[in-house]
N, C-alpha and C. Protein backbone atom coordinates (compact mmCIF):
# COMPACT_ATOMS: atom_id res chain seq x y z
N MET A 1 -18.09 5.88 6.66
CA MET A 1 -19.20 6.88 6.68
C MET A 1 -19.01 7.72 5.44
N VAL A 2 -20.03 8.03 4.70
CA VAL A 2 -20.10 8.89 3.63
C VAL A 2 -20.78 10.22 4.02
N ILE A 3 -20.21 11.36 3.79
CA ILE A 3 -20.64 12.62 4.18
C ILE A 3 -21.82 13.19 3.29
N SER A 4 -22.87 13.50 3.80
CA SER A 4 -23.89 14.27 3.04
C SER A 4 -23.98 15.62 3.46
N LYS A 5 -24.67 16.45 2.60
CA LYS A 5 -24.77 17.93 2.83
C LYS A 5 -25.35 18.14 4.26
N ASP A 6 -26.25 17.35 4.64
CA ASP A 6 -26.83 17.63 5.93
C ASP A 6 -25.81 17.48 7.15
N ASP A 7 -24.83 16.70 6.90
CA ASP A 7 -23.81 16.61 7.94
C ASP A 7 -22.79 17.69 8.01
N ILE A 8 -22.84 18.64 7.01
CA ILE A 8 -21.67 19.68 6.89
C ILE A 8 -21.60 20.55 8.16
N GLU A 9 -22.66 21.07 8.63
CA GLU A 9 -22.62 22.08 9.72
C GLU A 9 -22.13 21.29 10.92
N GLY A 10 -22.52 20.12 11.16
CA GLY A 10 -22.01 19.41 12.41
C GLY A 10 -20.59 19.15 12.34
N LEU A 11 -20.10 18.85 11.04
CA LEU A 11 -18.74 18.34 10.97
C LEU A 11 -17.72 19.43 10.82
N ALA A 12 -18.10 20.60 10.20
CA ALA A 12 -17.19 21.68 9.97
C ALA A 12 -16.90 22.46 11.15
N GLU A 13 -15.80 22.17 11.87
CA GLU A 13 -15.48 22.89 13.19
C GLU A 13 -14.60 24.04 12.91
N THR A 14 -13.84 24.10 11.89
CA THR A 14 -12.88 25.06 11.68
C THR A 14 -13.20 25.94 10.42
N LYS A 15 -12.63 27.09 10.40
CA LYS A 15 -12.91 27.99 9.21
C LYS A 15 -12.45 27.32 7.90
N GLU A 16 -11.38 26.55 7.96
CA GLU A 16 -10.81 25.85 6.83
C GLU A 16 -11.81 24.82 6.43
N GLN A 17 -12.34 23.95 7.32
CA GLN A 17 -13.37 23.05 6.94
C GLN A 17 -14.64 23.62 6.41
N LYS A 18 -15.11 24.63 6.95
CA LYS A 18 -16.29 25.30 6.37
C LYS A 18 -16.13 25.85 5.09
N GLU A 19 -14.92 26.42 4.71
CA GLU A 19 -14.66 26.96 3.47
C GLU A 19 -14.57 25.80 2.44
N TRP A 20 -13.88 24.68 2.86
CA TRP A 20 -13.82 23.55 1.94
C TRP A 20 -15.24 23.03 1.55
N TRP A 21 -15.89 22.84 2.64
CA TRP A 21 -17.45 22.23 2.36
C TRP A 21 -18.17 23.08 1.55
N GLY A 22 -17.97 24.51 1.72
CA GLY A 22 -18.79 25.39 0.89
C GLY A 22 -18.49 25.40 -0.49
N VAL A 23 -17.29 25.02 -0.85
CA VAL A 23 -16.85 24.93 -2.27
C VAL A 23 -17.12 23.52 -2.79
N LYS A 24 -16.78 22.49 -2.07
CA LYS A 24 -16.74 21.17 -2.64
C LYS A 24 -17.98 20.30 -2.50
N SER A 25 -18.72 20.46 -1.48
CA SER A 25 -19.84 19.62 -1.08
C SER A 25 -20.94 19.54 -2.17
N ALA A 26 -21.12 20.59 -2.87
CA ALA A 26 -22.16 20.56 -3.95
C ALA A 26 -21.76 19.58 -5.08
N ASN A 27 -20.45 19.42 -5.31
CA ASN A 27 -20.03 18.66 -6.51
C ASN A 27 -18.79 17.72 -6.06
N MET A 28 -19.07 16.83 -5.14
CA MET A 28 -18.08 16.04 -4.68
C MET A 28 -17.51 15.05 -5.61
N THR A 29 -16.24 14.96 -5.77
CA THR A 29 -15.57 14.13 -6.72
C THR A 29 -14.87 13.00 -5.92
N ARG A 30 -15.16 11.78 -6.35
CA ARG A 30 -14.56 10.58 -5.77
C ARG A 30 -13.06 10.57 -5.86
N GLY A 31 -12.39 10.20 -4.81
CA GLY A 31 -10.97 9.96 -4.92
C GLY A 31 -10.51 8.99 -5.95
N SER A 32 -9.30 8.93 -6.37
CA SER A 32 -8.81 7.97 -7.26
C SER A 32 -7.81 6.90 -6.34
N LEU A 33 -7.85 5.69 -6.95
CA LEU A 33 -7.04 4.56 -6.32
C LEU A 33 -5.93 4.11 -7.38
N GLU A 34 -4.62 4.27 -7.04
CA GLU A 34 -3.62 3.82 -7.80
C GLU A 34 -2.89 2.71 -7.03
N VAL A 35 -2.45 1.59 -7.78
CA VAL A 35 -1.94 0.48 -7.07
C VAL A 35 -0.71 0.00 -7.84
N PHE A 36 0.41 -0.22 -6.97
CA PHE A 36 1.62 -0.80 -7.56
C PHE A 36 1.74 -2.21 -7.01
N ALA A 37 2.05 -3.21 -7.74
CA ALA A 37 2.18 -4.57 -7.29
C ALA A 37 3.16 -5.33 -8.05
N GLY A 38 3.78 -6.29 -7.37
CA GLY A 38 4.83 -7.11 -8.00
C GLY A 38 5.57 -7.95 -7.10
N PRO A 39 6.72 -8.52 -7.43
CA PRO A 39 7.51 -9.44 -6.49
C PRO A 39 8.43 -8.59 -5.67
N MET A 40 9.24 -9.13 -4.73
CA MET A 40 10.09 -8.48 -4.02
C MET A 40 11.30 -7.87 -5.02
N TYR A 41 11.76 -6.83 -4.59
CA TYR A 41 12.91 -6.13 -5.26
C TYR A 41 12.45 -5.46 -6.59
N ALA A 42 11.25 -5.31 -6.74
CA ALA A 42 10.75 -4.80 -8.15
C ALA A 42 10.83 -3.23 -8.05
N GLY A 43 10.80 -2.70 -6.83
CA GLY A 43 10.88 -1.21 -6.78
C GLY A 43 9.47 -0.63 -6.42
N LYS A 44 8.62 -1.45 -5.73
CA LYS A 44 7.29 -0.91 -5.49
C LYS A 44 7.33 0.16 -4.47
N THR A 45 8.18 0.08 -3.40
CA THR A 45 8.17 1.15 -2.36
C THR A 45 9.02 2.37 -2.98
N THR A 46 9.86 2.12 -3.86
CA THR A 46 10.55 3.27 -4.55
C THR A 46 9.51 4.03 -5.42
N LEU A 47 8.68 3.35 -6.11
CA LEU A 47 7.80 3.96 -6.92
C LEU A 47 6.73 4.75 -6.12
N LEU A 48 6.29 4.19 -4.99
CA LEU A 48 5.43 4.84 -4.00
C LEU A 48 6.11 6.11 -3.49
N LEU A 49 7.38 5.91 -3.07
CA LEU A 49 8.16 7.18 -2.57
C LEU A 49 8.21 8.23 -3.68
N GLN A 50 8.38 7.94 -4.88
CA GLN A 50 8.49 8.90 -5.96
C GLN A 50 7.13 9.78 -5.98
N ARG A 51 5.94 9.00 -5.79
CA ARG A 51 4.66 9.70 -5.78
C ARG A 51 4.58 10.55 -4.52
N VAL A 52 5.02 10.12 -3.35
CA VAL A 52 5.03 10.85 -2.15
C VAL A 52 5.86 12.12 -2.23
N LEU A 53 7.15 12.01 -2.80
CA LEU A 53 7.88 13.23 -2.89
C LEU A 53 7.33 14.30 -3.84
N TRP A 54 6.72 13.77 -4.89
CA TRP A 54 6.08 14.62 -5.95
C TRP A 54 4.98 15.31 -5.34
N LEU A 55 4.09 14.65 -4.52
CA LEU A 55 3.01 15.32 -3.89
C LEU A 55 3.49 16.27 -2.79
N ASP A 56 4.55 15.89 -2.10
CA ASP A 56 5.06 16.86 -1.10
C ASP A 56 5.58 18.05 -1.80
N HIS A 57 6.23 17.76 -2.94
CA HIS A 57 6.82 19.02 -3.62
C HIS A 57 5.71 19.99 -4.09
N GLN A 58 4.53 19.40 -4.42
CA GLN A 58 3.39 20.14 -4.84
C GLN A 58 2.64 20.80 -3.62
N GLN A 59 3.22 20.53 -2.40
CA GLN A 59 2.53 21.00 -1.17
C GLN A 59 1.23 20.48 -0.88
N LYS A 60 1.04 19.13 -1.20
CA LYS A 60 -0.14 18.41 -0.97
C LYS A 60 -0.12 17.95 0.41
N LYS A 61 -1.29 17.84 1.03
CA LYS A 61 -1.34 17.11 2.33
C LYS A 61 -1.44 15.64 2.17
N ILE A 62 -0.47 14.89 2.73
CA ILE A 62 -0.39 13.51 2.53
C ILE A 62 -0.25 12.76 3.87
N LEU A 63 -0.72 11.57 3.93
CA LEU A 63 -0.56 10.69 5.05
C LEU A 63 -0.06 9.44 4.59
N VAL A 64 1.11 9.06 5.09
CA VAL A 64 1.85 7.77 4.70
C VAL A 64 1.69 6.80 5.78
N ILE A 65 1.21 5.55 5.35
CA ILE A 65 0.83 4.52 6.46
C ILE A 65 1.54 3.20 6.04
N LYS A 66 2.00 2.44 7.10
CA LYS A 66 2.38 1.12 6.71
C LYS A 66 2.07 0.26 7.88
N PRO A 67 1.96 -1.09 7.74
CA PRO A 67 1.68 -1.94 8.90
C PRO A 67 2.81 -2.17 9.74
N SER A 68 2.67 -2.29 11.12
CA SER A 68 3.65 -2.36 12.03
C SER A 68 4.40 -3.77 11.84
N LYS A 69 3.80 -4.68 11.16
CA LYS A 69 4.51 -6.01 10.92
C LYS A 69 5.72 -5.79 10.14
N ASP A 70 5.84 -4.65 9.25
CA ASP A 70 7.07 -4.43 8.44
C ASP A 70 8.02 -3.68 9.34
N ASN A 71 8.87 -4.43 10.10
CA ASN A 71 9.78 -3.71 10.98
C ASN A 71 11.18 -4.03 10.36
N ARG A 72 11.40 -4.23 9.15
CA ARG A 72 12.72 -4.60 8.73
C ARG A 72 13.77 -3.53 8.95
N TYR A 73 13.34 -2.22 8.71
CA TYR A 73 14.40 -1.19 8.73
C TYR A 73 14.04 -0.15 9.81
N ASN A 74 12.95 0.46 9.81
CA ASN A 74 12.53 1.46 10.74
C ASN A 74 11.00 1.53 11.05
N GLU A 75 10.63 1.71 12.16
CA GLU A 75 9.20 1.55 12.46
C GLU A 75 8.33 2.81 11.87
N ASP A 76 9.05 3.89 11.98
CA ASP A 76 8.42 5.31 11.67
C ASP A 76 8.65 5.84 10.27
N THR A 77 9.29 4.96 9.36
CA THR A 77 9.49 5.34 8.04
C THR A 77 9.14 4.26 7.03
N ILE A 78 8.77 4.62 5.76
CA ILE A 78 8.86 3.65 4.71
C ILE A 78 10.27 3.62 4.16
N VAL A 79 10.87 2.59 3.94
CA VAL A 79 12.24 2.47 3.59
C VAL A 79 12.35 1.58 2.33
N THR A 80 13.07 1.93 1.30
CA THR A 80 13.43 1.13 0.17
C THR A 80 14.51 0.30 0.50
N HIS A 81 14.82 -0.71 -0.32
CA HIS A 81 15.88 -1.63 -0.08
C HIS A 81 17.26 -0.94 -0.12
N ASN A 82 17.30 0.14 -0.99
CA ASN A 82 18.64 1.00 -1.12
C ASN A 82 18.49 2.10 -0.21
N GLN A 83 17.65 2.05 1.08
CA GLN A 83 17.71 2.91 2.15
C GLN A 83 17.16 4.38 1.85
N LEU A 84 16.39 4.59 0.80
CA LEU A 84 15.62 5.91 0.71
C LEU A 84 14.50 5.75 1.64
N SER A 85 14.04 6.84 2.19
CA SER A 85 13.06 6.80 3.19
C SER A 85 12.21 8.05 3.35
N TYR A 86 11.12 7.97 3.98
CA TYR A 86 10.17 8.96 4.22
C TYR A 86 9.38 8.65 5.56
N PRO A 87 9.05 9.74 6.31
CA PRO A 87 8.27 9.45 7.56
C PRO A 87 7.01 8.96 7.33
N CYS A 88 6.47 8.05 8.17
CA CYS A 88 5.21 7.42 8.09
C CYS A 88 4.53 7.14 9.36
N ILE A 89 3.30 6.55 9.38
CA ILE A 89 2.58 6.23 10.53
C ILE A 89 2.60 4.63 10.49
N SER A 90 3.00 4.02 11.55
CA SER A 90 2.87 2.55 11.62
C SER A 90 1.83 2.13 12.46
N PHE A 91 0.95 1.07 11.92
CA PHE A 91 -0.17 0.74 12.77
C PHE A 91 -0.36 -0.67 12.68
N SER A 92 -1.24 -1.23 13.67
CA SER A 92 -1.62 -2.73 13.74
C SER A 92 -3.03 -2.80 13.38
N GLU A 93 -3.90 -2.00 13.73
CA GLU A 93 -5.41 -2.09 13.33
C GLU A 93 -5.84 -0.69 12.78
N PHE A 94 -6.65 -0.82 11.76
CA PHE A 94 -7.19 0.34 11.11
C PHE A 94 -7.89 1.41 12.03
N SER A 95 -8.46 0.77 13.17
CA SER A 95 -9.12 1.66 14.11
C SER A 95 -8.21 2.60 14.70
N GLU A 96 -6.86 2.31 14.73
CA GLU A 96 -5.86 3.24 15.26
C GLU A 96 -5.85 4.50 14.34
N ILE A 97 -5.95 4.29 12.96
CA ILE A 97 -5.98 5.36 12.03
C ILE A 97 -7.23 6.15 12.16
N GLU A 98 -8.33 5.51 12.17
CA GLU A 98 -9.54 6.19 12.21
C GLU A 98 -9.75 7.00 13.53
N ASP A 99 -9.24 6.51 14.63
CA ASP A 99 -9.20 7.19 16.01
C ASP A 99 -8.36 8.38 16.06
N ASN A 100 -7.33 8.31 15.26
CA ASN A 100 -6.32 9.42 15.40
C ASN A 100 -6.20 10.46 14.33
N TYR A 101 -6.77 10.16 13.13
CA TYR A 101 -6.61 10.84 11.93
C TYR A 101 -8.00 11.09 11.24
N ASN A 102 -8.37 12.33 11.16
CA ASN A 102 -9.59 12.65 10.36
C ASN A 102 -9.33 12.69 8.81
N ILE A 103 -9.33 11.59 8.17
CA ILE A 103 -9.02 11.50 6.80
C ILE A 103 -10.14 12.00 5.84
N MET A 104 -10.04 13.25 5.74
CA MET A 104 -10.99 14.13 4.83
C MET A 104 -10.17 14.97 3.90
N PRO A 105 -10.74 15.41 2.74
CA PRO A 105 -9.98 16.15 1.79
C PRO A 105 -9.36 17.47 2.32
N TYR A 106 -10.07 18.11 3.30
CA TYR A 106 -9.54 19.32 3.88
C TYR A 106 -8.27 19.04 4.80
N ASN A 107 -8.15 17.84 5.14
CA ASN A 107 -6.88 17.52 5.92
C ASN A 107 -5.91 16.79 5.09
N TYR A 108 -6.32 15.81 4.19
CA TYR A 108 -5.36 15.10 3.33
C TYR A 108 -5.77 15.01 1.92
N ASN A 109 -4.94 15.27 1.00
CA ASN A 109 -5.13 15.10 -0.44
C ASN A 109 -5.00 13.60 -0.80
N THR A 110 -4.10 12.91 -0.16
CA THR A 110 -3.76 11.59 -0.57
C THR A 110 -3.29 10.81 0.72
N VAL A 111 -3.81 9.51 0.72
CA VAL A 111 -3.22 8.53 1.71
C VAL A 111 -2.42 7.54 0.87
N CYS A 112 -1.19 7.21 1.31
CA CYS A 112 -0.33 6.32 0.75
C CYS A 112 -0.01 5.18 1.70
N LEU A 113 -0.40 3.95 1.06
CA LEU A 113 -0.32 2.72 1.82
C LEU A 113 0.87 1.94 1.33
N ASP A 114 1.78 1.47 2.21
CA ASP A 114 2.93 0.58 1.77
C ASP A 114 2.76 -0.75 2.53
N GLU A 115 3.22 -1.83 1.74
CA GLU A 115 3.21 -3.16 2.07
C GLU A 115 1.75 -3.73 2.50
N VAL A 116 0.88 -3.45 1.54
CA VAL A 116 -0.60 -3.66 1.90
C VAL A 116 -0.87 -5.16 1.97
N GLN A 117 0.09 -6.09 1.51
CA GLN A 117 -0.14 -7.49 1.69
C GLN A 117 -0.18 -7.88 3.00
N PHE A 118 0.35 -7.05 4.09
CA PHE A 118 0.29 -7.51 5.43
C PHE A 118 -0.95 -6.82 6.06
N MET A 119 -1.65 -6.08 5.46
CA MET A 119 -2.89 -5.44 6.00
C MET A 119 -4.22 -6.34 5.90
N ASP A 120 -5.01 -6.28 6.99
CA ASP A 120 -6.27 -7.07 6.96
C ASP A 120 -7.12 -6.71 5.76
N CYS A 121 -7.55 -7.68 4.89
CA CYS A 121 -8.21 -7.46 3.71
C CYS A 121 -9.53 -6.66 3.87
N LYS A 122 -10.32 -7.17 4.64
CA LYS A 122 -11.65 -6.65 4.90
C LYS A 122 -11.60 -5.12 5.51
N ASP A 123 -10.70 -4.91 6.53
CA ASP A 123 -10.49 -3.66 7.14
C ASP A 123 -9.88 -2.64 6.06
N THR A 124 -8.92 -3.09 5.23
CA THR A 124 -8.31 -2.18 4.29
C THR A 124 -9.31 -1.79 3.21
N LEU A 125 -10.09 -2.62 2.67
CA LEU A 125 -10.99 -2.34 1.70
C LEU A 125 -12.11 -1.38 2.19
N SER A 126 -12.61 -1.66 3.44
CA SER A 126 -13.59 -0.76 4.07
C SER A 126 -13.01 0.70 4.17
N SER A 127 -11.93 0.83 4.77
CA SER A 127 -11.24 2.22 5.01
C SER A 127 -10.97 2.87 3.48
N VAL A 128 -10.35 2.13 2.75
CA VAL A 128 -10.08 2.68 1.39
C VAL A 128 -11.29 3.19 0.65
N GLU A 129 -12.33 2.37 0.65
CA GLU A 129 -13.61 2.83 -0.06
C GLU A 129 -14.11 3.98 0.61
N MET A 130 -14.17 4.08 1.96
CA MET A 130 -14.53 5.31 2.68
C MET A 130 -13.82 6.49 2.23
N TRP A 131 -12.50 6.38 2.27
CA TRP A 131 -11.59 7.54 1.95
C TRP A 131 -12.03 7.97 0.50
N LEU A 132 -12.02 7.02 -0.37
CA LEU A 132 -12.37 7.33 -1.86
C LEU A 132 -13.67 8.06 -2.05
N ARG A 133 -14.72 7.59 -1.37
CA ARG A 133 -16.00 8.18 -1.53
C ARG A 133 -15.99 9.59 -0.97
N ASN A 134 -15.31 9.82 0.09
CA ASN A 134 -15.24 11.25 0.65
C ASN A 134 -14.24 12.10 -0.12
N GLY A 135 -13.63 11.59 -1.25
CA GLY A 135 -12.88 12.52 -2.03
C GLY A 135 -11.39 12.45 -1.77
N VAL A 136 -10.84 11.51 -1.04
CA VAL A 136 -9.37 11.48 -0.76
C VAL A 136 -8.72 10.42 -1.67
N ASN A 137 -7.70 10.85 -2.33
CA ASN A 137 -7.02 9.83 -3.17
C ASN A 137 -6.17 8.78 -2.41
N VAL A 138 -5.98 7.62 -2.96
CA VAL A 138 -5.21 6.61 -2.30
C VAL A 138 -4.25 6.00 -3.27
N ILE A 139 -2.91 5.78 -2.73
CA ILE A 139 -1.94 5.16 -3.62
C ILE A 139 -1.48 4.03 -2.76
N ALA A 140 -1.40 2.70 -3.28
CA ALA A 140 -1.03 1.50 -2.50
C ALA A 140 -0.10 0.77 -3.30
N ALA A 141 0.87 0.08 -2.40
CA ALA A 141 1.82 -0.68 -3.05
C ALA A 141 2.01 -1.97 -2.22
N GLY A 142 2.25 -3.18 -2.84
CA GLY A 142 2.48 -4.41 -2.10
C GLY A 142 2.76 -5.55 -2.98
N LEU A 143 3.18 -6.61 -2.37
CA LEU A 143 3.41 -7.92 -3.08
C LEU A 143 2.16 -8.46 -3.63
N ASP A 144 2.19 -8.89 -4.89
CA ASP A 144 1.01 -9.49 -5.58
C ASP A 144 0.92 -10.98 -5.12
N GLN A 145 2.10 -11.60 -4.85
CA GLN A 145 1.97 -13.04 -4.63
C GLN A 145 2.87 -13.41 -3.49
N ASP A 146 2.71 -14.53 -2.75
CA ASP A 146 3.68 -15.06 -1.78
C ASP A 146 4.78 -15.89 -2.52
N SER A 147 5.50 -16.44 -1.66
CA SER A 147 6.57 -17.20 -2.33
C SER A 147 6.21 -18.61 -2.84
N ARG A 148 4.92 -18.91 -2.55
CA ARG A 148 4.35 -20.14 -3.16
C ARG A 148 3.50 -19.83 -4.46
N GLY A 149 3.37 -18.60 -4.83
CA GLY A 149 2.75 -18.13 -6.08
C GLY A 149 1.21 -17.90 -5.74
N ILE A 150 0.84 -17.88 -4.52
CA ILE A 150 -0.59 -17.56 -4.13
C ILE A 150 -0.83 -16.13 -4.00
N PRO A 151 -1.85 -15.58 -4.67
CA PRO A 151 -2.17 -14.19 -4.57
C PRO A 151 -2.35 -13.67 -3.08
N PHE A 152 -1.90 -12.51 -2.72
CA PHE A 152 -2.20 -12.03 -1.51
C PHE A 152 -3.53 -11.26 -1.62
N GLU A 153 -4.53 -11.60 -0.70
CA GLU A 153 -5.93 -11.14 -0.91
C GLU A 153 -5.98 -9.73 -1.02
N THR A 154 -5.46 -9.01 -0.08
CA THR A 154 -5.63 -7.52 0.04
C THR A 154 -5.15 -6.88 -1.27
N THR A 155 -3.91 -7.28 -1.67
CA THR A 155 -3.41 -6.75 -2.87
C THR A 155 -4.28 -7.00 -4.06
N SER A 156 -4.75 -8.14 -4.16
CA SER A 156 -5.57 -8.62 -5.27
C SER A 156 -6.88 -7.76 -5.34
N GLN A 157 -7.50 -7.60 -4.13
CA GLN A 157 -8.70 -6.74 -4.07
C GLN A 157 -8.54 -5.34 -4.42
N LEU A 158 -7.39 -4.80 -3.95
CA LEU A 158 -7.12 -3.43 -4.30
C LEU A 158 -6.82 -3.24 -5.81
N LEU A 159 -6.16 -4.19 -6.38
CA LEU A 159 -5.89 -4.21 -7.92
C LEU A 159 -7.35 -4.16 -8.61
N GLY A 160 -8.28 -5.05 -8.10
CA GLY A 160 -9.53 -5.05 -8.72
C GLY A 160 -10.29 -3.72 -8.73
N LEU A 161 -10.14 -2.90 -7.63
CA LEU A 161 -10.72 -1.83 -7.26
C LEU A 161 -10.04 -0.62 -7.91
N ALA A 162 -8.84 -0.67 -8.27
CA ALA A 162 -7.95 0.42 -8.77
C ALA A 162 -8.56 1.06 -9.98
N ASP A 163 -8.34 2.36 -10.02
CA ASP A 163 -8.53 3.24 -11.12
C ASP A 163 -7.33 3.14 -12.17
N LYS A 164 -6.11 2.97 -11.47
CA LYS A 164 -4.91 2.87 -12.27
C LYS A 164 -4.06 1.88 -11.55
N SER A 165 -3.41 0.85 -12.15
CA SER A 165 -2.56 -0.05 -11.57
C SER A 165 -1.44 -0.28 -12.41
N GLU A 166 -0.38 -0.91 -11.85
CA GLU A 166 0.87 -1.20 -12.43
C GLU A 166 1.54 -2.43 -11.94
N LYS A 167 1.70 -3.56 -12.70
CA LYS A 167 2.35 -4.75 -12.32
C LYS A 167 3.84 -4.46 -12.73
N ILE A 168 4.60 -4.35 -11.73
CA ILE A 168 6.10 -4.13 -12.00
C ILE A 168 6.91 -5.32 -11.93
N LYS A 169 7.97 -5.39 -12.48
CA LYS A 169 8.83 -6.57 -12.49
C LYS A 169 10.27 -6.21 -11.88
N ALA A 170 10.79 -7.24 -11.38
CA ALA A 170 12.18 -7.18 -10.81
C ALA A 170 13.14 -7.84 -11.81
N ILE A 171 14.30 -8.13 -11.39
CA ILE A 171 15.29 -8.83 -12.27
C ILE A 171 15.74 -10.11 -11.54
N CYS A 172 15.62 -11.17 -12.30
CA CYS A 172 15.91 -12.50 -11.74
C CYS A 172 17.36 -12.51 -11.24
N THR A 173 17.62 -13.09 -10.00
CA THR A 173 19.02 -13.06 -9.47
C THR A 173 19.79 -14.23 -10.07
N VAL A 174 19.20 -15.05 -10.87
CA VAL A 174 19.95 -16.16 -11.51
C VAL A 174 20.42 -15.90 -12.87
N CYS A 175 19.49 -15.33 -13.72
CA CYS A 175 19.76 -15.13 -15.13
C CYS A 175 19.68 -13.73 -15.57
N GLY A 176 19.14 -12.82 -14.71
CA GLY A 176 18.97 -11.36 -15.22
C GLY A 176 17.80 -11.09 -16.00
N LYS A 177 17.00 -12.02 -16.31
CA LYS A 177 15.67 -11.73 -17.00
C LYS A 177 14.71 -11.09 -16.10
N GLU A 178 13.55 -10.71 -16.72
CA GLU A 178 12.47 -10.17 -15.99
C GLU A 178 11.90 -11.12 -14.95
N ALA A 179 11.73 -10.65 -13.69
CA ALA A 179 11.31 -11.60 -12.66
C ALA A 179 9.92 -11.15 -12.20
N THR A 180 8.99 -12.15 -12.11
CA THR A 180 7.59 -11.86 -11.74
C THR A 180 7.26 -12.63 -10.44
N LYS A 181 8.26 -13.37 -9.95
CA LYS A 181 7.88 -14.21 -8.81
C LYS A 181 8.89 -13.88 -7.68
N THR A 182 8.56 -14.28 -6.54
CA THR A 182 9.38 -14.10 -5.28
C THR A 182 9.75 -15.60 -4.79
N TYR A 183 10.99 -15.77 -4.69
CA TYR A 183 11.56 -17.08 -4.36
C TYR A 183 12.01 -17.02 -2.90
N ARG A 184 11.65 -18.01 -2.18
CA ARG A 184 12.08 -18.12 -0.77
C ARG A 184 13.29 -19.06 -0.78
N VAL A 185 14.43 -18.61 -0.29
CA VAL A 185 15.64 -19.27 -0.28
C VAL A 185 15.57 -20.51 0.63
N LYS A 186 15.03 -20.48 1.78
CA LYS A 186 14.81 -21.67 2.61
C LYS A 186 13.37 -21.94 2.80
N ALA A 187 12.95 -23.02 2.48
CA ALA A 187 11.53 -23.50 2.49
C ALA A 187 11.20 -23.89 3.88
N SER A 188 10.73 -22.94 4.74
CA SER A 188 10.42 -23.27 6.10
C SER A 188 9.60 -22.15 6.70
N GLY A 189 8.70 -22.39 7.63
CA GLY A 189 7.94 -21.51 8.33
C GLY A 189 6.52 -21.22 7.65
N ASP A 190 5.94 -20.21 8.27
CA ASP A 190 4.56 -19.81 7.85
C ASP A 190 4.66 -19.02 6.58
N ARG A 191 3.36 -18.79 5.91
CA ARG A 191 3.26 -18.23 4.70
C ARG A 191 3.93 -16.78 4.72
N ILE A 192 3.67 -16.08 5.78
CA ILE A 192 4.24 -14.69 5.90
C ILE A 192 5.43 -14.71 6.93
N GLN A 193 6.53 -14.42 6.33
CA GLN A 193 7.81 -14.29 7.21
C GLN A 193 8.49 -12.97 6.67
N VAL A 194 8.46 -11.89 7.59
CA VAL A 194 9.01 -10.66 7.12
C VAL A 194 10.60 -10.75 6.97
N GLY A 195 11.00 -10.48 5.87
CA GLY A 195 12.52 -10.72 5.58
C GLY A 195 13.04 -9.82 4.33
N SER A 196 14.21 -9.89 4.09
CA SER A 196 14.76 -9.25 3.01
C SER A 196 15.83 -9.99 2.31
N MET A 197 17.13 -9.32 1.94
CA MET A 197 18.05 -9.99 1.22
C MET A 197 18.52 -11.17 2.05
N GLY A 198 18.77 -12.31 1.37
CA GLY A 198 19.11 -13.55 2.01
C GLY A 198 18.01 -14.53 2.33
N MET A 199 16.85 -13.95 2.54
CA MET A 199 15.62 -14.76 2.80
C MET A 199 14.76 -15.00 1.44
N TYR A 200 14.74 -13.91 0.73
CA TYR A 200 13.92 -13.86 -0.63
C TYR A 200 14.72 -13.39 -1.79
N GLU A 201 14.34 -13.80 -2.97
CA GLU A 201 15.06 -13.34 -4.15
C GLU A 201 14.01 -13.28 -5.27
N PRO A 202 14.10 -12.31 -6.18
CA PRO A 202 13.14 -12.28 -7.34
C PRO A 202 13.62 -13.29 -8.32
N ARG A 203 12.76 -13.96 -8.90
CA ARG A 203 13.15 -14.95 -9.96
C ARG A 203 12.12 -14.93 -11.13
N CYS A 204 12.66 -15.36 -12.28
CA CYS A 204 11.93 -15.57 -13.56
C CYS A 204 11.21 -16.82 -13.44
N LEU A 205 10.25 -17.19 -14.30
CA LEU A 205 9.50 -18.31 -14.31
C LEU A 205 10.38 -19.73 -14.36
N GLU A 206 11.48 -19.49 -15.10
CA GLU A 206 12.25 -20.65 -15.30
C GLU A 206 13.03 -21.10 -14.00
N HIS A 207 13.42 -20.02 -13.22
CA HIS A 207 14.27 -20.31 -12.06
C HIS A 207 13.58 -20.20 -10.73
N TRP A 208 12.21 -20.12 -10.81
CA TRP A 208 11.39 -20.05 -9.56
C TRP A 208 10.67 -21.30 -9.22
N GLU A 209 10.59 -21.63 -8.00
CA GLU A 209 9.77 -22.74 -7.69
C GLU A 209 9.06 -22.43 -6.36
N PRO A 210 7.87 -22.83 -6.20
CA PRO A 210 7.04 -22.41 -4.95
C PRO A 210 7.65 -23.12 -3.81
N LYS A 211 7.83 -22.32 -2.64
CA LYS A 211 8.29 -22.80 -1.38
C LYS A 211 7.49 -22.18 -0.25
């Protein structure tokens, strides 16, 4: 839903909301979308966490979200591989976010999404586009490809929509060169298997093979 001037009186229930609409509604600025993508162990969550901490330092209102499928470390935090963390909301369906959080600029300056490759593509794009139109910034991070070298649809779509994007690289575990691929150590199971060290490794093109 995109908010029009005619909706303001009905939506503005608090003094803060009324003041915000009085200043901003006449000249609404679209939010910006920034996306970080790359292989495993490239530092995507670390880069996202840097943005989160900087926004927090600036006393900006932020909402950090990750899919419940990412249960490797802790359900209620985003966690880097070296155990840096920040509280977050874990969800299965975007309807849970829409039902429980009023994502408007007077409530949140920025929504941060981690592990976007696990999120439903259609629902993610719909929600992100709505937030951007309503003036909320979005920062997203996720794997660009699976271990077979096939692009993840949600990440690819967000990269196409992004106002600013960065493809970051890891370090190949075999030779130490730049790694752009994720290598699955044991070739078995479905396309998506949540795992960490021992299951996946970052590899350069020379030492990677699709599995």
